[in-house]
Amino acid sequence: MPYQRALPFGALADGDAQRVVVAGQAILVSRIDGVPHAVTDVCPHNGASLAEGTLKDGCVTCPAHLWRFSVVDGRRQGRPDVRIAVFPCRMTDDGWVEVDVPEQVAPTSLREALLAHARQGPVR
C-alpha cells in the first residue's frame, strides 16, 4: 500500500507521540530527535493502546502492564524477541508525516477454515 498521510509534522513536539488511524489501523506516530517514527498502537500482551502510555528515551511504556517498546525498532526492552510492528514513515516536503501501512488481511473464520478443510476430502 502506498504511503498515506497520518498527521502534520508540526502537530508533534519532539518526544511526543499521537495515535492516528491509517488504512483502518491504529498507529502510534512519534517524533524523536526530529525524526518521525510509526509503530502499531496495540500492545501484543493485552491489546492496550500504547498511546495511553508514556514516551521517554525513545520507548513507549504500555499503560496496562508497563512493557516498554522502542518506537525505532519495535523491540521490547529486556525481551528483544518480543516486538511490535514498525511501519516505514517519512516527512513530505509540505510538512506531513506519511506512513506505509500494509493492507490488513481479513482473518479466516473457523467456519471458513472447516469448510475449506472439508472440501479437500479425506487425507490418504
C-alpha atoms as a PDB file:
ATOM      1  CA  MET A   1       0.000   0.000   0.000  1.00  0.00           C
ATOM      2  CA  PRO A   2       1.427   3.430  -0.792  1.00  0.00           C
ATOM      3  CA  TYR A   3       2.342   5.946   1.876  1.00  0.00           C
ATOM      4  CA  GLN A   4      -0.659   7.692   3.415  1.00  0.00           C
ATOM      5  CA  ARG A   5      -0.888  10.940   5.330  1.00  0.00           C
ATOM      6  CA  ALA A   6      -1.039  10.488   9.078  1.00  0.00           C
ATOM      7  CA  LEU A   7      -0.731  13.966  10.616  1.00  0.00           C
ATOM      8  CA  PRO A   8       1.080  17.269  10.154  1.00  0.00           C
ATOM      9  CA  PHE A   9       4.684  17.035  11.377  1.00  0.00           C
ATOM     10  CA  GLY A  10       4.180  20.280  13.313  1.00  0.00           C
ATOM     11  CA  ALA A  11       1.458  18.602  15.381  1.00  0.00           C
ATOM     12  CA  LEU A  12       4.171  16.542  17.115  1.00  0.00           C
ATOM     13  CA  ALA A  13       6.593  18.111  19.544  1.00  0.00           C
ATOM     14  CA  ASP A  14       9.940  16.363  19.916  1.00  0.00           C
ATOM     15  CA  GLY A  15       9.495  13.482  22.353  1.00  0.00           C
ATOM     16  CA  ASP A  16       5.742  13.436  21.719  1.00  0.00           C
ATOM     17  CA  ALA A  17       3.525  10.683  20.280  1.00  0.00           C
ATOM     18  CA  GLN A  18      -0.035  10.590  18.974  1.00  0.00           C
ATOM     19  CA  ARG A  19      -2.460   7.882  17.969  1.00  0.00           C
ATOM     20  CA  VAL A  20      -3.756   8.092  14.406  1.00  0.00           C
ATOM     21  CA  VAL A  21      -5.732   5.719  12.226  1.00  0.00           C
ATOM     22  CA  VAL A  22      -4.145   4.940   8.867  1.00  0.00           C
ATOM     23  CA  ALA A  23      -5.702   2.442   6.449  1.00  0.00           C
ATOM     24  CA  GLY A  24      -8.033   1.310   9.227  1.00  0.00           C
ATOM     25  CA  GLN A  25      -5.181   0.512  11.631  1.00  0.00           C
ATOM     26  CA  ALA A  26      -4.310   2.251  14.900  1.00  0.00           C
ATOM     27  CA  ILE A  27      -0.804   3.683  14.587  1.00  0.00           C
ATOM     28  CA  LEU A  28       1.350   5.474  17.153  1.00  0.00           C
ATOM     29  CA  VAL A  29       3.343   8.223  15.433  1.00  0.00           C
ATOM     30  CA  SER A  30       6.160   9.784  17.424  1.00  0.00           C
ATOM     31  CA  ARG A  31       8.897  12.326  16.919  1.00  0.00           C
ATOM     32  CA  ILE A  32      12.311  11.502  18.368  1.00  0.00           C
ATOM     33  CA  ASP A  33      15.241  13.880  17.796  1.00  0.00           C
ATOM     34  CA  GLY A  34      13.312  15.497  14.950  1.00  0.00           C
ATOM     35  CA  VAL A  35      12.658  12.198  13.148  1.00  0.00           C
ATOM     36  CA  PRO A  36       9.159  10.691  12.779  1.00  0.00           C
ATOM     37  CA  HIS A  37       8.583   7.049  13.715  1.00  0.00           C
ATOM     38  CA  ALA A  38       5.494   4.854  13.373  1.00  0.00           C
ATOM     39  CA  VAL A  39       4.589   1.673  15.255  1.00  0.00           C
ATOM     40  CA  THR A  40       1.375  -0.176  15.953  1.00  0.00           C
ATOM     41  CA  ASP A  41      -0.687   1.354  18.732  1.00  0.00           C
ATOM     42  CA  VAL A  42      -1.604  -2.085  20.074  1.00  0.00           C
ATOM     43  CA  CYS A  43       0.404  -3.797  22.809  1.00  0.00           C
ATOM     44  CA  PRO A  44       0.854  -7.502  21.968  1.00  0.00           C
ATOM     45  CA  HIS A  45       0.387  -8.534  25.596  1.00  0.00           C
ATOM     46  CA  ASN A  46      -3.181  -7.468  26.190  1.00  0.00           C
ATOM     47  CA  GLY A  47      -4.177  -5.191  23.311  1.00  0.00           C
ATOM     48  CA  ALA A  48      -3.895  -1.952  25.266  1.00  0.00           C
ATOM     49  CA  SER A  49      -3.411   1.316  23.393  1.00  0.00           C
ATOM     50  CA  LEU A  50       0.235   2.351  23.638  1.00  0.00           C
ATOM     51  CA  ALA A  51      -0.829   5.959  23.049  1.00  0.00           C
ATOM     52  CA  GLU A  52      -2.289   5.892  26.569  1.00  0.00           C
ATOM     53  CA  GLY A  53       1.204   5.194  27.926  1.00  0.00           C
ATOM     54  CA  THR A  54       4.248   7.414  28.215  1.00  0.00           C
ATOM     55  CA  LEU A  55       7.070   8.071  25.762  1.00  0.00           C
ATOM     56  CA  LYS A  56      10.550   8.538  27.204  1.00  0.00           C
ATOM     57  CA  ASP A  57      14.029   7.997  25.770  1.00  0.00           C
ATOM     58  CA  GLY A  58      12.629   6.613  22.520  1.00  0.00           C
ATOM     59  CA  CYS A  59      10.494   3.993  24.257  1.00  0.00           C
ATOM     60  CA  VAL A  60       6.764   3.851  24.837  1.00  0.00           C
ATOM     61  CA  THR A  61       5.515   2.236  28.035  1.00  0.00           C
ATOM     62  CA  CYS A  62       2.274   0.279  27.850  1.00  0.00           C
ATOM     63  CA  PRO A  63      -0.191   1.637  30.428  1.00  0.00           C
ATOM     64  CA  ALA A  64      -1.643  -1.807  31.156  1.00  0.00           C
ATOM     65  CA  HIS A  65       1.409  -3.820  32.206  1.00  0.00           C
ATOM     66  CA  LEU A  66       4.349  -1.422  31.863  1.00  0.00           C
ATOM     67  CA  TRP A  67       6.014  -3.240  28.968  1.00  0.00           C
ATOM     68  CA  ARG A  68       8.409  -0.837  27.190  1.00  0.00           C
ATOM     69  CA  PHE A  69       8.899  -0.844  23.413  1.00  0.00           C
ATOM     70  CA  SER A  70      11.345   1.067  21.253  1.00  0.00           C
ATOM     71  CA  VAL A  71       9.487   3.263  18.760  1.00  0.00           C
ATOM     72  CA  VAL A  72      12.512   2.973  16.453  1.00  0.00           C
ATOM     73  CA  ASP A  73      12.804  -0.816  16.068  1.00  0.00           C
ATOM     74  CA  GLY A  74       9.740  -2.139  17.960  1.00  0.00           C
ATOM     75  CA  ARG A  75      11.716  -4.325  20.364  1.00  0.00           C
ATOM     76  CA  ARG A  76      10.512  -4.827  23.912  1.00  0.00           C
ATOM     77  CA  GLN A  77      13.085  -3.663  26.412  1.00  0.00           C
ATOM     78  CA  GLY A  78      14.655  -6.627  28.201  1.00  0.00           C
ATOM     79  CA  ARG A  79      12.963  -9.081  25.795  1.00  0.00           C
ATOM     80  CA  PRO A  80      14.127  -8.269  22.247  1.00  0.00           C
ATOM     81  CA  ASP A  81      12.383 -11.393  20.932  1.00  0.00           C
ATOM     82  CA  VAL A  82       9.032  -9.653  21.606  1.00  0.00           C
ATOM     83  CA  ARG A  83       8.284  -6.879  19.120  1.00  0.00           C
ATOM     84  CA  ILE A  84       5.578  -4.589  17.925  1.00  0.00           C
ATOM     85  CA  ALA A  85       5.083  -3.767  14.249  1.00  0.00           C
ATOM     86  CA  VAL A  86       7.156  -0.890  12.894  1.00  0.00           C
ATOM     87  CA  PHE A  87       5.961   0.937   9.791  1.00  0.00           C
ATOM     88  CA  PRO A  88       8.060   2.942   7.344  1.00  0.00           C
ATOM     89  CA  CYS A  89       7.298   6.618   7.645  1.00  0.00           C
ATOM     90  CA  ARG A  90       8.560   9.821   6.113  1.00  0.00           C
ATOM     91  CA  MET A  91       8.061  13.548   6.174  1.00  0.00           C
ATOM     92  CA  THR A  92       6.799  15.175   2.992  1.00  0.00           C
ATOM     93  CA  ASP A  93       8.019  18.449   1.526  1.00  0.00           C
ATOM     94  CA  ASP A  94       4.750  20.091   2.566  1.00  0.00           C
ATOM     95  CA  GLY A  95       5.187  19.085   6.238  1.00  0.00           C
ATOM     96  CA  TRP A  96       3.122  15.913   6.641  1.00  0.00           C
ATOM     97  CA  VAL A  97       4.116  12.618   8.223  1.00  0.00           C
ATOM     98  CA  GLU A  98       3.189   9.751   5.929  1.00  0.00           C
ATOM     99  CA  VAL A  99       3.073   6.094   6.955  1.00  0.00           C
ATOM    100  CA  ASP A 100       3.279   2.988   4.788  1.00  0.00           C
ATOM    101  CA  VAL A 101       0.806   0.559   6.371  1.00  0.00           C
ATOM    102  CA  PRO A 102       0.260  -2.806   4.661  1.00  0.00           C
ATOM    103  CA  GLU A 103      -3.288  -3.793   3.852  1.00  0.00           C
ATOM    104  CA  GLN A 104      -4.930  -5.867   6.536  1.00  0.00           C
ATOM    105  CA  VAL A 105      -5.828  -9.386   5.517  1.00  0.00           C
ATOM    106  CA  ALA A 106      -9.142 -10.452   6.970  1.00  0.00           C
ATOM    107  CA  PRO A 107      -8.635 -13.472   9.216  1.00  0.00           C
ATOM    108  CA  THR A 108     -10.262 -16.717   8.177  1.00  0.00           C
ATOM    109  CA  SER A 109     -13.191 -17.579  10.382  1.00  0.00           C
ATOM    110  CA  LEU A 110     -13.398 -21.001  11.997  1.00  0.00           C
ATOM    111  CA  ARG A 111     -16.368 -21.778   9.752  1.00  0.00           C
ATOM    112  CA  GLU A 112     -14.392 -20.894   6.604  1.00  0.00           C
ATOM    113  CA  ALA A 113     -11.423 -22.977   7.748  1.00  0.00           C
ATOM    114  CA  LEU A 114     -13.615 -26.012   8.460  1.00  0.00           C
ATOM    115  CA  LEU A 115     -15.403 -25.720   5.116  1.00  0.00           C
ATOM    116  CA  ALA A 116     -12.099 -25.448   3.243  1.00  0.00           C
ATOM    117  CA  HIS A 117     -10.772 -28.481   5.111  1.00  0.00           C
ATOM    118  CA  ALA A 118     -13.957 -30.478   4.339  1.00  0.00           C
ATOM    119  CA  ARG A 119     -13.672 -29.629   0.624  1.00  0.00           C
ATOM    120  CA  GLN A 120     -10.196 -31.156   0.484  1.00  0.00           C
ATOM    121  CA  GLY A 121     -11.643 -34.618   1.064  1.00  0.00           C
ATOM    122  CA  PRO A 122     -10.190 -37.426   3.140  1.00  0.00           C
ATOM    123  CA  VAL A 123      -6.462 -37.477   3.768  1.00  0.00           C
ATOM    124  CA  ARG A 124      -4.768 -40.562   2.345  1.00  0.00           C
END
